[in-house]
């Protein structure tokens, strides 16, 4: 869980470098209680931060979600999931500022990008496997509760089920490697995995790409 919280702030740091996250949004992360300052970031609790990206071509609204629930909806133009309820760890949502969020969903102008923290994963082969010959071994690992390739299948579920999703990615504290997949010629890869972890002094990222 600490890794998941750490990732939240690492992604927030990247997002605030690109987008004008409103100060009052960041203040939502903390609250004063009888025991002092308390972090409101809790698993299973939806937290939303908002901002704007200023661009000469088109200004974009941005929302950074922690544990957003995408419920099943029958309205194909509305937000949500085509199938079962989904709840990615982190979701980045973007749409043109000239439209409201609902209008952007209705007019297919919304884009969602999802990230899931997998702190038990150490190697890319745990997610993607090494070859088809390892399928039987993977099935045995699944029975023992150490199967990790299902994490990739979960990204497929996010990509296919959550409406207007542009990409879904695994974040794991393993070796400095990455793997990405493109289905067609999209601007961003549809699926992937990225190693991200603190260095020895816990202040910087180790993210060397293969």
N, C-alpha and C. Protein backbone atom coordinates (compact mmCIF):
# COMPACT_ATOMS: atom_id res chain seq x y z
N UNK A 1 0.82 -1.20 0.00
CA UNK A 1 0.00 0.00 0.00
C UNK A 1 0.86 1.27 0.00
N UNK A 2 1.99 1.24 0.71
CA UNK A 2 2.88 2.39 0.71
C UNK A 2 3.40 2.68 -0.69
N UNK A 3 3.67 1.62 -1.45
CA UNK A 3 4.13 1.80 -2.84
C UNK A 3 3.05 2.50 -3.67
N UNK A 4 1.81 2.12 -3.45
CA UNK A 4 0.70 2.73 -4.18
C UNK A 4 0.59 4.21 -3.84
N UNK A 5 0.72 4.55 -2.55
CA UNK A 5 0.67 5.96 -2.15
C UNK A 5 1.85 6.74 -2.73
N UNK A 6 3.02 6.10 -2.71
CA UNK A 6 4.21 6.74 -3.27
C UNK A 6 4.02 7.03 -4.75
N UNK A 7 3.43 6.06 -5.47
CA UNK A 7 3.17 6.25 -6.90
C UNK A 7 2.20 7.39 -7.15
N UNK A 8 1.21 7.53 -6.27
CA UNK A 8 0.24 8.62 -6.42
C UNK A 8 0.96 9.96 -6.48
N UNK A 9 1.90 10.17 -5.58
CA UNK A 9 2.60 11.46 -5.54
C UNK A 9 3.62 11.60 -6.66
N UNK A 10 4.20 10.48 -7.12
CA UNK A 10 5.11 10.55 -8.25
C UNK A 10 4.36 10.94 -9.52
N UNK A 11 3.19 10.34 -9.74
CA UNK A 11 2.37 10.72 -10.88
C UNK A 11 1.88 12.16 -10.74
N UNK A 12 1.52 12.55 -9.53
CA UNK A 12 1.07 13.92 -9.29
C UNK A 12 2.17 14.92 -9.63
N UNK A 13 3.41 14.59 -9.30
CA UNK A 13 4.54 15.48 -9.61
C UNK A 13 4.69 15.65 -11.11
N UNK A 14 4.56 14.56 -11.87
CA UNK A 14 4.65 14.64 -13.33
C UNK A 14 3.50 15.45 -13.91
N UNK A 15 2.30 15.20 -13.39
CA UNK A 15 1.11 15.87 -13.90
C UNK A 15 1.16 17.38 -13.63
N UNK A 16 1.62 17.75 -12.45
CA UNK A 16 1.68 19.18 -12.12
C UNK A 16 2.74 19.91 -12.94
N UNK A 17 3.70 19.18 -13.50
CA UNK A 17 4.68 19.79 -14.40
C UNK A 17 4.06 20.11 -15.76
N UNK A 18 3.02 19.37 -16.13
CA UNK A 18 2.39 19.54 -17.44
C UNK A 18 1.11 20.35 -17.38
N UNK A 19 0.37 20.21 -16.28
CA UNK A 19 -0.94 20.84 -16.18
C UNK A 19 -0.99 21.80 -14.99
N UNK A 20 -1.87 22.79 -15.09
CA UNK A 20 -2.04 23.75 -14.01
C UNK A 20 -3.03 23.19 -12.99
N UNK A 21 -2.53 22.32 -12.11
CA UNK A 21 -3.39 21.75 -11.07
C UNK A 21 -3.77 22.85 -10.09
N UNK A 22 -5.05 23.00 -9.84
CA UNK A 22 -5.53 24.07 -8.98
C UNK A 22 -5.07 23.84 -7.53
N UNK A 23 -4.56 24.89 -6.86
CA UNK A 23 -4.06 24.74 -5.48
C UNK A 23 -5.08 24.14 -4.53
N UNK A 24 -6.35 24.53 -4.68
CA UNK A 24 -7.36 23.99 -3.78
C UNK A 24 -7.55 22.49 -3.97
N UNK A 25 -7.21 22.00 -5.17
CA UNK A 25 -7.31 20.56 -5.40
C UNK A 25 -6.25 19.81 -4.60
N UNK A 26 -5.02 20.31 -4.63
CA UNK A 26 -3.93 19.66 -3.90
C UNK A 26 -4.20 19.71 -2.40
N UNK A 27 -4.82 20.79 -1.94
CA UNK A 27 -5.14 20.91 -0.51
C UNK A 27 -6.12 19.84 -0.05
N UNK A 28 -6.87 19.28 -0.97
CA UNK A 28 -7.82 18.21 -0.63
C UNK A 28 -7.12 16.97 -0.07
N UNK A 29 -5.83 16.85 -0.36
CA UNK A 29 -5.11 15.65 0.05
C UNK A 29 -4.94 15.57 1.56
N UNK A 30 -5.09 16.67 2.24
CA UNK A 30 -4.81 16.70 3.67
C UNK A 30 -6.00 17.29 4.43
N UNK A 31 -6.15 16.87 5.66
CA UNK A 31 -7.18 17.42 6.53
C UNK A 31 -6.66 17.46 7.96
N UNK A 32 -7.16 18.42 8.73
CA UNK A 32 -6.77 18.52 10.14
C UNK A 32 -7.74 17.72 10.99
N UNK A 33 -7.19 16.87 11.84
CA UNK A 33 -8.00 16.07 12.75
C UNK A 33 -7.51 16.30 14.18
N UNK A 34 -8.10 15.60 15.13
CA UNK A 34 -7.66 15.72 16.52
C UNK A 34 -6.23 15.24 16.71
N UNK A 35 -5.79 14.37 15.80
CA UNK A 35 -4.43 13.84 15.88
C UNK A 35 -3.44 14.61 15.03
N UNK A 36 -3.89 15.72 14.45
CA UNK A 36 -3.00 16.53 13.63
C UNK A 36 -3.35 16.44 12.16
N UNK A 37 -2.35 16.65 11.30
CA UNK A 37 -2.54 16.64 9.85
C UNK A 37 -2.67 15.20 9.38
N UNK A 38 -3.71 14.93 8.58
CA UNK A 38 -4.00 13.57 8.14
C UNK A 38 -4.07 13.51 6.62
N UNK A 39 -3.46 12.47 6.04
CA UNK A 39 -3.51 12.27 4.60
C UNK A 39 -4.84 11.60 4.25
N UNK A 40 -5.58 12.20 3.30
CA UNK A 40 -6.90 11.69 2.95
C UNK A 40 -6.84 10.60 1.88
N UNK A 41 -5.64 10.26 1.46
CA UNK A 41 -5.48 9.23 0.44
C UNK A 41 -5.68 7.86 1.08
N UNK A 42 -6.79 7.20 0.76
CA UNK A 42 -7.11 5.91 1.35
C UNK A 42 -7.60 4.97 0.26
N UNK A 43 -7.17 3.71 0.33
CA UNK A 43 -7.58 2.72 -0.66
C UNK A 43 -9.10 2.58 -0.66
N UNK A 44 -9.67 2.54 -1.84
CA UNK A 44 -11.11 2.39 -1.96
C UNK A 44 -11.88 3.69 -1.85
N UNK A 45 -11.19 4.78 -1.61
CA UNK A 45 -11.83 6.08 -1.47
C UNK A 45 -11.46 6.96 -2.66
N UNK A 46 -12.47 7.41 -3.40
CA UNK A 46 -12.22 8.19 -4.60
C UNK A 46 -11.73 9.59 -4.24
N UNK A 47 -10.64 9.99 -4.89
CA UNK A 47 -10.08 11.32 -4.68
C UNK A 47 -9.84 11.95 -6.04
N UNK A 48 -10.22 13.21 -6.20
CA UNK A 48 -10.13 13.88 -7.50
C UNK A 48 -9.36 15.18 -7.39
N UNK A 49 -8.43 15.40 -8.33
CA UNK A 49 -7.71 16.66 -8.47
C UNK A 49 -7.95 17.18 -9.89
N UNK A 50 -8.08 18.52 -10.03
CA UNK A 50 -8.42 19.11 -11.31
C UNK A 50 -7.37 20.11 -11.76
N UNK A 51 -7.28 20.30 -13.07
CA UNK A 51 -6.35 21.27 -13.61
C UNK A 51 -6.69 21.61 -15.05
N UNK A 52 -5.86 22.47 -15.68
CA UNK A 52 -6.06 22.89 -17.07
C UNK A 52 -4.71 22.90 -17.77
N UNK A 53 -4.70 22.42 -19.01
CA UNK A 53 -3.49 22.45 -19.83
C UNK A 53 -3.66 23.52 -20.90
N UNK A 54 -2.83 24.58 -20.84
CA UNK A 54 -2.92 25.67 -21.80
C UNK A 54 -2.05 25.35 -23.01
N UNK A 55 -2.68 25.39 -24.20
CA UNK A 55 -1.99 25.04 -25.43
C UNK A 55 -2.44 25.99 -26.54
N UNK A 56 -1.52 26.41 -27.42
CA UNK A 56 -1.91 27.32 -28.49
C UNK A 56 -2.99 26.75 -29.40
N UNK A 57 -3.05 25.44 -29.51
CA UNK A 57 -4.04 24.81 -30.40
C UNK A 57 -5.37 24.63 -29.68
N UNK A 58 -5.34 24.02 -28.48
CA UNK A 58 -6.57 23.73 -27.75
C UNK A 58 -6.27 23.56 -26.27
N UNK A 59 -6.99 24.29 -25.43
CA UNK A 59 -6.85 24.12 -23.99
C UNK A 59 -7.60 22.87 -23.55
N UNK A 60 -6.99 22.13 -22.62
CA UNK A 60 -7.58 20.88 -22.16
C UNK A 60 -7.83 20.91 -20.66
N UNK A 61 -8.96 20.37 -20.26
CA UNK A 61 -9.22 20.12 -18.84
C UNK A 61 -8.59 18.79 -18.47
N UNK A 62 -8.12 18.68 -17.25
CA UNK A 62 -7.53 17.42 -16.80
C UNK A 62 -8.05 17.10 -15.41
N UNK A 63 -8.34 15.83 -15.19
CA UNK A 63 -8.70 15.33 -13.87
C UNK A 63 -7.81 14.14 -13.54
N UNK A 64 -7.28 14.14 -12.33
CA UNK A 64 -6.43 13.07 -11.85
C UNK A 64 -7.18 12.35 -10.74
N UNK A 65 -7.56 11.10 -10.99
CA UNK A 65 -8.39 10.34 -10.06
C UNK A 65 -7.58 9.26 -9.35
N UNK A 66 -7.89 9.08 -8.08
CA UNK A 66 -7.39 7.93 -7.33
C UNK A 66 -8.59 7.06 -6.97
N UNK A 67 -8.57 5.79 -7.44
CA UNK A 67 -9.64 4.83 -7.14
C UNK A 67 -10.99 5.27 -7.69
N UNK A 68 -11.02 5.83 -8.88
CA UNK A 68 -12.31 6.18 -9.49
C UNK A 68 -13.05 4.90 -9.91
N UNK A 69 -14.32 4.82 -9.62
CA UNK A 69 -15.15 3.68 -10.01
C UNK A 69 -15.85 3.99 -11.33
N UNK A 70 -15.71 3.09 -12.29
CA UNK A 70 -16.42 3.18 -13.56
C UNK A 70 -17.52 2.11 -13.53
N UNK A 71 -18.74 2.52 -13.27
CA UNK A 71 -19.86 1.59 -13.14
C UNK A 71 -20.41 1.22 -14.51
N UNK A 72 -21.10 0.09 -14.56
CA UNK A 72 -21.74 -0.34 -15.80
C UNK A 72 -22.87 0.62 -16.16
N UNK A 73 -22.89 1.08 -17.41
CA UNK A 73 -23.94 1.97 -17.89
C UNK A 73 -24.43 1.49 -19.25
N UNK A 74 -25.72 1.57 -19.47
CA UNK A 74 -26.29 1.13 -20.74
C UNK A 74 -26.21 2.22 -21.80
N UNK A 75 -26.08 3.48 -21.39
CA UNK A 75 -25.97 4.59 -22.33
C UNK A 75 -24.57 4.57 -22.94
N UNK A 76 -24.48 4.23 -24.23
CA UNK A 76 -23.16 4.09 -24.85
C UNK A 76 -22.42 5.41 -24.93
N UNK A 77 -23.13 6.53 -24.85
CA UNK A 77 -22.46 7.83 -24.90
C UNK A 77 -22.04 8.32 -23.52
N UNK A 78 -22.57 7.73 -22.48
CA UNK A 78 -22.24 8.18 -21.13
C UNK A 78 -20.92 7.61 -20.65
N UNK A 79 -20.49 8.07 -19.48
CA UNK A 79 -19.25 7.56 -18.90
C UNK A 79 -19.50 6.22 -18.23
N UNK A 80 -18.42 5.49 -17.96
CA UNK A 80 -18.56 4.22 -17.25
C UNK A 80 -17.97 3.06 -18.03
N UNK A 81 -18.46 1.87 -17.71
CA UNK A 81 -17.95 0.63 -18.29
C UNK A 81 -19.00 -0.02 -19.17
N UNK A 82 -18.52 -0.67 -20.23
CA UNK A 82 -19.42 -1.42 -21.09
C UNK A 82 -19.91 -2.68 -20.39
N UNK A 83 -19.13 -3.21 -19.46
CA UNK A 83 -19.45 -4.51 -18.86
C UNK A 83 -19.55 -4.41 -17.34
N UNK A 84 -18.55 -4.94 -16.65
CA UNK A 84 -18.58 -4.93 -15.19
C UNK A 84 -17.98 -3.64 -14.64
N UNK A 85 -18.23 -3.40 -13.35
CA UNK A 85 -17.65 -2.23 -12.68
C UNK A 85 -16.14 -2.35 -12.62
N UNK A 86 -15.43 -1.26 -12.92
CA UNK A 86 -13.97 -1.23 -12.92
C UNK A 86 -13.49 -0.13 -11.98
N UNK A 87 -12.32 -0.35 -11.33
CA UNK A 87 -11.76 0.68 -10.46
C UNK A 87 -10.23 0.65 -10.54
N UNK A 88 -9.67 1.35 -11.54
CA UNK A 88 -8.21 1.45 -11.64
C UNK A 88 -7.65 2.21 -10.44
N UNK A 89 -6.37 1.99 -10.13
CA UNK A 89 -5.73 2.73 -9.05
C UNK A 89 -5.67 4.22 -9.37
N UNK A 90 -5.19 4.55 -10.58
CA UNK A 90 -5.03 5.94 -10.98
C UNK A 90 -5.62 6.14 -12.38
N UNK A 91 -6.33 7.24 -12.57
CA UNK A 91 -6.90 7.55 -13.88
C UNK A 91 -6.66 9.01 -14.20
N UNK A 92 -6.17 9.27 -15.39
CA UNK A 92 -6.00 10.62 -15.91
C UNK A 92 -7.03 10.83 -17.00
N UNK A 93 -7.89 11.83 -16.85
CA UNK A 93 -8.95 12.12 -17.81
C UNK A 93 -8.72 13.48 -18.44
N UNK A 94 -8.82 13.56 -19.77
CA UNK A 94 -8.59 14.82 -20.49
C UNK A 94 -9.67 15.05 -21.51
N UNK A 95 -10.06 16.33 -21.68
CA UNK A 95 -11.05 16.72 -22.68
C UNK A 95 -10.91 18.20 -22.98
N UNK A 96 -11.39 18.69 -24.14
CA UNK A 96 -11.28 20.11 -24.50
C UNK A 96 -12.01 21.00 -23.50
N UNK A 97 -11.38 22.10 -23.12
CA UNK A 97 -11.96 22.98 -22.11
C UNK A 97 -13.25 23.64 -22.59
N UNK A 98 -13.44 23.71 -23.91
CA UNK A 98 -14.64 24.34 -24.45
C UNK A 98 -15.90 23.53 -24.17
N UNK A 99 -15.73 22.30 -23.68
CA UNK A 99 -16.87 21.43 -23.41
C UNK A 99 -16.92 21.05 -21.93
N UNK A 100 -18.13 20.80 -21.44
CA UNK A 100 -18.23 20.24 -20.09
C UNK A 100 -17.80 18.78 -20.14
N UNK A 101 -17.60 18.20 -18.98
CA UNK A 101 -17.18 16.80 -18.93
C UNK A 101 -18.24 15.89 -19.56
N UNK A 102 -19.50 16.14 -19.25
CA UNK A 102 -20.58 15.32 -19.81
C UNK A 102 -20.67 15.49 -21.33
N UNK A 103 -20.52 16.72 -21.80
CA UNK A 103 -20.55 16.96 -23.25
C UNK A 103 -19.40 16.24 -23.94
N UNK A 104 -18.23 16.24 -23.31
CA UNK A 104 -17.07 15.57 -23.88
C UNK A 104 -17.30 14.06 -23.99
N UNK A 105 -17.94 13.49 -22.96
CA UNK A 105 -18.26 12.06 -23.01
C UNK A 105 -19.25 11.78 -24.14
N UNK A 106 -20.29 12.60 -24.23
CA UNK A 106 -21.34 12.40 -25.23
C UNK A 106 -20.80 12.53 -26.65
N UNK A 107 -19.82 13.42 -26.86
CA UNK A 107 -19.30 13.67 -28.20
C UNK A 107 -17.99 12.95 -28.48
N UNK A 108 -17.65 11.98 -27.64
CA UNK A 108 -16.45 11.16 -27.84
C UNK A 108 -15.17 12.00 -27.83
N UNK A 109 -15.15 13.05 -27.01
CA UNK A 109 -13.97 13.92 -26.92
C UNK A 109 -13.18 13.68 -25.64
N UNK A 110 -13.63 12.75 -24.82
CA UNK A 110 -12.97 12.40 -23.57
C UNK A 110 -11.93 11.31 -23.81
N UNK A 111 -10.83 11.39 -23.08
CA UNK A 111 -9.81 10.33 -23.13
C UNK A 111 -9.40 10.00 -21.70
N UNK A 112 -9.43 8.70 -21.36
CA UNK A 112 -9.00 8.22 -20.05
C UNK A 112 -7.71 7.41 -20.21
N UNK A 113 -6.78 7.61 -19.28
CA UNK A 113 -5.54 6.82 -19.22
C UNK A 113 -5.44 6.25 -17.82
N UNK A 114 -5.24 4.93 -17.71
CA UNK A 114 -5.28 4.25 -16.42
C UNK A 114 -3.91 3.66 -16.06
N UNK A 115 -3.64 3.64 -14.75
CA UNK A 115 -2.43 3.03 -14.21
C UNK A 115 -2.80 2.17 -13.00
N UNK A 116 -2.17 1.01 -12.89
CA UNK A 116 -2.37 0.14 -11.74
C UNK A 116 -1.03 -0.18 -11.10
N UNK A 117 -0.95 -0.05 -9.78
CA UNK A 117 0.27 -0.38 -9.04
C UNK A 117 0.32 -1.88 -8.77
N UNK A 118 1.45 -2.52 -9.11
CA UNK A 118 1.65 -3.95 -8.87
C UNK A 118 2.95 -4.13 -8.09
N UNK A 119 2.86 -3.93 -6.78
CA UNK A 119 4.07 -3.93 -5.97
C UNK A 119 4.66 -5.31 -5.77
N UNK A 120 3.94 -6.39 -6.12
CA UNK A 120 4.49 -7.74 -5.97
C UNK A 120 5.30 -8.17 -7.19
N UNK A 121 5.18 -7.43 -8.29
CA UNK A 121 5.89 -7.77 -9.51
C UNK A 121 7.32 -7.27 -9.44
N UNK A 122 8.28 -8.12 -9.85
CA UNK A 122 9.68 -7.73 -9.85
C UNK A 122 10.29 -7.75 -11.25
N UNK A 123 9.80 -8.61 -12.14
CA UNK A 123 10.34 -8.75 -13.48
C UNK A 123 9.23 -8.63 -14.51
N UNK A 124 9.57 -8.13 -15.71
CA UNK A 124 8.59 -8.03 -16.77
C UNK A 124 8.04 -9.40 -17.17
N UNK A 125 8.88 -10.44 -17.06
CA UNK A 125 8.42 -11.77 -17.46
C UNK A 125 7.28 -12.26 -16.58
N UNK A 126 7.14 -11.69 -15.36
CA UNK A 126 6.04 -12.07 -14.49
C UNK A 126 4.72 -11.56 -15.05
N UNK A 127 4.78 -10.49 -15.85
CA UNK A 127 3.57 -9.91 -16.43
C UNK A 127 3.33 -10.47 -17.83
N UNK A 128 4.38 -10.48 -18.65
CA UNK A 128 4.20 -10.82 -20.06
C UNK A 128 4.62 -12.25 -20.40
N UNK A 129 5.31 -12.95 -19.49
CA UNK A 129 5.78 -14.28 -19.81
C UNK A 129 7.00 -14.23 -20.71
N UNK A 130 7.63 -15.37 -20.92
CA UNK A 130 8.82 -15.44 -21.77
C UNK A 130 8.51 -16.05 -23.12
N UNK A 131 7.61 -17.02 -23.17
CA UNK A 131 7.23 -17.66 -24.42
C UNK A 131 5.96 -18.46 -24.19
N UNK A 132 5.39 -18.94 -25.28
CA UNK A 132 4.18 -19.75 -25.17
C UNK A 132 4.45 -21.06 -24.45
N UNK A 133 5.71 -21.50 -24.42
CA UNK A 133 6.06 -22.75 -23.76
C UNK A 133 5.86 -22.66 -22.26
N UNK A 134 5.79 -21.44 -21.73
CA UNK A 134 5.66 -21.25 -20.28
C UNK A 134 4.21 -21.20 -19.82
N UNK A 135 3.26 -21.45 -20.75
CA UNK A 135 1.84 -21.32 -20.39
C UNK A 135 1.46 -22.28 -19.27
N UNK A 136 1.91 -23.54 -19.37
CA UNK A 136 1.57 -24.52 -18.33
C UNK A 136 2.15 -24.11 -16.99
N UNK A 137 3.37 -23.59 -16.98
CA UNK A 137 3.99 -23.13 -15.74
C UNK A 137 3.21 -21.98 -15.14
N UNK A 138 2.74 -21.06 -16.01
CA UNK A 138 1.97 -19.92 -15.53
C UNK A 138 0.66 -20.37 -14.88
N UNK A 139 0.04 -21.38 -15.47
CA UNK A 139 -1.21 -21.88 -14.90
C UNK A 139 -0.97 -22.48 -13.51
N UNK A 140 0.17 -23.14 -13.32
CA UNK A 140 0.50 -23.68 -12.01
C UNK A 140 0.75 -22.57 -11.00
N UNK A 141 1.43 -21.50 -11.45
CA UNK A 141 1.68 -20.37 -10.57
C UNK A 141 0.37 -19.70 -10.17
N UNK A 142 -0.57 -19.66 -11.11
CA UNK A 142 -1.87 -19.05 -10.81
C UNK A 142 -2.56 -19.81 -9.69
N UNK A 143 -2.47 -21.14 -9.71
CA UNK A 143 -3.09 -21.96 -8.68
C UNK A 143 -2.45 -21.70 -7.32
N UNK A 144 -1.15 -21.37 -7.31
CA UNK A 144 -0.43 -21.12 -6.05
C UNK A 144 -0.59 -19.68 -5.57
N UNK A 145 -1.28 -18.86 -6.36
CA UNK A 145 -1.50 -17.48 -5.94
C UNK A 145 -0.36 -16.53 -6.25
N UNK A 146 0.58 -16.93 -7.11
CA UNK A 146 1.71 -16.06 -7.45
C UNK A 146 1.69 -15.69 -8.92
N UNK A 147 0.58 -15.92 -9.58
CA UNK A 147 0.46 -15.65 -11.01
C UNK A 147 0.34 -14.16 -11.24
N UNK A 148 1.22 -13.61 -12.11
CA UNK A 148 1.24 -12.17 -12.33
C UNK A 148 0.81 -11.76 -13.73
N UNK A 149 0.78 -12.70 -14.69
CA UNK A 149 0.43 -12.33 -16.05
C UNK A 149 -1.02 -11.87 -16.14
N UNK A 150 -1.82 -12.23 -15.14
CA UNK A 150 -3.19 -11.73 -15.09
C UNK A 150 -3.25 -10.22 -14.97
N UNK A 151 -2.16 -9.60 -14.50
CA UNK A 151 -2.12 -8.14 -14.42
C UNK A 151 -2.26 -7.52 -15.80
N UNK A 152 -1.64 -8.15 -16.81
CA UNK A 152 -1.77 -7.66 -18.17
C UNK A 152 -3.20 -7.81 -18.66
N UNK A 153 -3.83 -8.94 -18.32
CA UNK A 153 -5.21 -9.16 -18.72
C UNK A 153 -6.12 -8.11 -18.09
N UNK A 154 -5.79 -7.67 -16.88
CA UNK A 154 -6.57 -6.63 -16.23
C UNK A 154 -6.46 -5.32 -16.99
N UNK A 155 -5.26 -5.02 -17.53
CA UNK A 155 -5.10 -3.82 -18.34
C UNK A 155 -5.94 -3.92 -19.62
N UNK A 156 -6.01 -5.14 -20.19
CA UNK A 156 -6.89 -5.34 -21.33
C UNK A 156 -8.33 -5.04 -20.95
N UNK A 157 -8.72 -5.47 -19.76
CA UNK A 157 -10.09 -5.23 -19.30
C UNK A 157 -10.37 -3.74 -19.19
N UNK A 158 -9.44 -2.98 -18.60
CA UNK A 158 -9.60 -1.53 -18.50
C UNK A 158 -9.73 -0.92 -19.90
N UNK A 159 -8.83 -1.34 -20.79
CA UNK A 159 -8.78 -0.76 -22.14
C UNK A 159 -10.05 -1.03 -22.91
N UNK A 160 -10.57 -2.25 -22.79
CA UNK A 160 -11.74 -2.64 -23.58
C UNK A 160 -13.06 -2.26 -22.93
N UNK A 161 -13.12 -2.29 -21.60
CA UNK A 161 -14.41 -2.11 -20.92
C UNK A 161 -14.72 -0.65 -20.60
N UNK A 162 -13.73 0.12 -20.16
CA UNK A 162 -13.99 1.51 -19.77
C UNK A 162 -14.05 2.38 -21.01
N UNK A 163 -15.17 3.01 -21.20
CA UNK A 163 -15.41 3.79 -22.41
C UNK A 163 -14.38 4.92 -22.58
N UNK A 164 -13.96 5.10 -23.81
CA UNK A 164 -13.06 6.18 -24.20
C UNK A 164 -11.71 6.10 -23.48
N UNK A 165 -11.21 4.90 -23.30
CA UNK A 165 -9.89 4.69 -22.70
C UNK A 165 -8.82 4.69 -23.78
N UNK A 166 -7.78 5.50 -23.58
CA UNK A 166 -6.69 5.56 -24.54
C UNK A 166 -5.55 4.61 -24.23
N UNK A 167 -5.36 4.29 -22.94
CA UNK A 167 -4.27 3.39 -22.57
C UNK A 167 -4.39 2.92 -21.14
N UNK A 168 -3.80 1.77 -20.84
CA UNK A 168 -3.81 1.21 -19.48
C UNK A 168 -2.46 0.57 -19.23
N UNK A 169 -1.84 0.89 -18.07
CA UNK A 169 -0.45 0.52 -17.84
C UNK A 169 -0.22 -0.01 -16.42
N UNK A 170 0.66 -1.00 -16.33
CA UNK A 170 1.11 -1.53 -15.05
C UNK A 170 2.32 -0.74 -14.60
N UNK A 171 2.36 -0.35 -13.33
CA UNK A 171 3.53 0.28 -12.71
C UNK A 171 4.02 -0.66 -11.63
N UNK A 172 5.31 -1.04 -11.69
CA UNK A 172 5.83 -2.03 -10.74
C UNK A 172 7.25 -1.67 -10.32
N UNK A 173 7.65 -2.05 -9.10
CA UNK A 173 8.99 -1.67 -8.59
C UNK A 173 10.06 -2.69 -8.93
N UNK A 174 10.21 -3.00 -10.22
CA UNK A 174 11.16 -4.02 -10.63
C UNK A 174 12.39 -3.45 -11.31
N UNK A 175 12.96 -4.26 -12.22
CA UNK A 175 14.13 -3.83 -12.97
C UNK A 175 13.76 -2.65 -13.87
N UNK A 176 14.77 -1.89 -14.26
CA UNK A 176 14.53 -0.70 -15.08
C UNK A 176 14.27 -1.11 -16.53
N UNK A 177 13.05 -1.51 -16.79
CA UNK A 177 12.64 -1.95 -18.12
C UNK A 177 11.24 -1.43 -18.39
N UNK A 178 10.85 -1.52 -19.64
CA UNK A 178 9.47 -1.19 -20.00
C UNK A 178 9.06 -2.07 -21.16
N UNK A 179 7.76 -2.23 -21.33
CA UNK A 179 7.22 -2.94 -22.47
C UNK A 179 5.89 -2.31 -22.82
N UNK A 180 5.70 -2.01 -24.10
CA UNK A 180 4.48 -1.34 -24.53
C UNK A 180 3.93 -2.05 -25.76
N UNK A 181 2.62 -1.93 -25.95
CA UNK A 181 1.95 -2.52 -27.10
C UNK A 181 1.08 -1.48 -27.77
N UNK A 182 1.11 -1.46 -29.11
CA UNK A 182 0.23 -0.61 -29.89
C UNK A 182 -0.67 -1.49 -30.74
N UNK A 183 -1.99 -1.23 -30.66
CA UNK A 183 -2.92 -2.02 -31.44
C UNK A 183 -3.00 -1.54 -32.88
N UNK A 184 -2.90 -0.22 -33.09
CA UNK A 184 -2.98 0.34 -34.43
C UNK A 184 -1.87 1.39 -34.59
N UNK A 185 -2.25 2.62 -34.80
CA UNK A 185 -1.27 3.71 -34.92
C UNK A 185 -1.65 4.84 -33.99
N UNK A 186 -2.08 4.47 -32.76
CA UNK A 186 -2.52 5.48 -31.82
C UNK A 186 -1.35 6.33 -31.32
N UNK A 187 -1.67 7.52 -30.82
CA UNK A 187 -0.64 8.45 -30.34
C UNK A 187 0.13 7.86 -29.17
N UNK A 188 -0.59 7.22 -28.24
CA UNK A 188 0.05 6.57 -27.09
C UNK A 188 -0.18 5.07 -27.19
N UNK A 189 0.74 4.26 -26.68
CA UNK A 189 0.53 2.80 -26.72
C UNK A 189 -0.68 2.41 -25.89
N UNK A 190 -1.44 1.43 -26.38
CA UNK A 190 -2.66 1.05 -25.69
C UNK A 190 -2.43 0.33 -24.38
N UNK A 191 -1.38 -0.51 -24.31
CA UNK A 191 -1.07 -1.29 -23.12
C UNK A 191 0.42 -1.24 -22.86
N UNK A 192 0.80 -1.40 -21.57
CA UNK A 192 2.23 -1.42 -21.28
C UNK A 192 2.53 -1.62 -19.81
N UNK A 193 3.81 -1.72 -19.52
CA UNK A 193 4.27 -1.85 -18.14
C UNK A 193 5.55 -1.04 -17.99
N UNK A 194 5.69 -0.35 -16.86
CA UNK A 194 6.84 0.50 -16.61
C UNK A 194 7.37 0.24 -15.20
N UNK A 195 8.70 0.07 -15.11
CA UNK A 195 9.33 -0.07 -13.80
C UNK A 195 9.54 1.31 -13.21
N UNK A 196 9.13 1.50 -11.97
CA UNK A 196 9.31 2.79 -11.30
C UNK A 196 9.46 2.54 -9.81
N UNK A 197 10.57 3.01 -9.25
CA UNK A 197 10.85 2.78 -7.83
C UNK A 197 11.80 3.85 -7.32
N UNK A 198 11.85 4.06 -5.99
CA UNK A 198 12.78 5.04 -5.41
C UNK A 198 14.21 4.55 -5.56
N UNK A 199 15.16 5.49 -5.58
CA UNK A 199 16.55 5.07 -5.55
C UNK A 199 16.99 4.92 -4.10
N UNK A 200 18.28 4.82 -3.87
CA UNK A 200 18.79 4.52 -2.54
C UNK A 200 18.37 5.54 -1.50
N UNK A 201 18.29 6.83 -1.88
CA UNK A 201 17.91 7.84 -0.89
C UNK A 201 16.42 8.15 -0.92
N UNK A 202 15.64 7.36 -1.73
CA UNK A 202 14.18 7.46 -1.75
C UNK A 202 13.67 8.83 -2.22
N UNK A 203 14.49 9.51 -3.01
CA UNK A 203 14.06 10.83 -3.45
C UNK A 203 13.83 10.89 -4.95
N UNK A 204 14.49 10.02 -5.72
CA UNK A 204 14.41 10.10 -7.17
C UNK A 204 13.92 8.78 -7.75
N UNK A 205 13.59 8.82 -9.03
CA UNK A 205 13.08 7.62 -9.70
C UNK A 205 14.19 6.91 -10.44
N UNK A 206 14.05 5.59 -10.51
CA UNK A 206 14.92 4.79 -11.36
C UNK A 206 14.06 4.33 -12.52
N UNK A 207 14.20 4.96 -13.67
CA UNK A 207 13.33 4.65 -14.80
C UNK A 207 14.12 4.60 -16.10
N UNK A 208 15.16 3.81 -16.16
CA UNK A 208 15.90 3.62 -17.40
C UNK A 208 15.08 2.73 -18.31
N UNK A 209 14.90 3.16 -19.56
CA UNK A 209 14.08 2.40 -20.51
C UNK A 209 14.94 1.43 -21.29
N UNK A 210 14.35 0.27 -21.58
CA UNK A 210 15.07 -0.72 -22.33
C UNK A 210 15.10 -0.34 -23.79
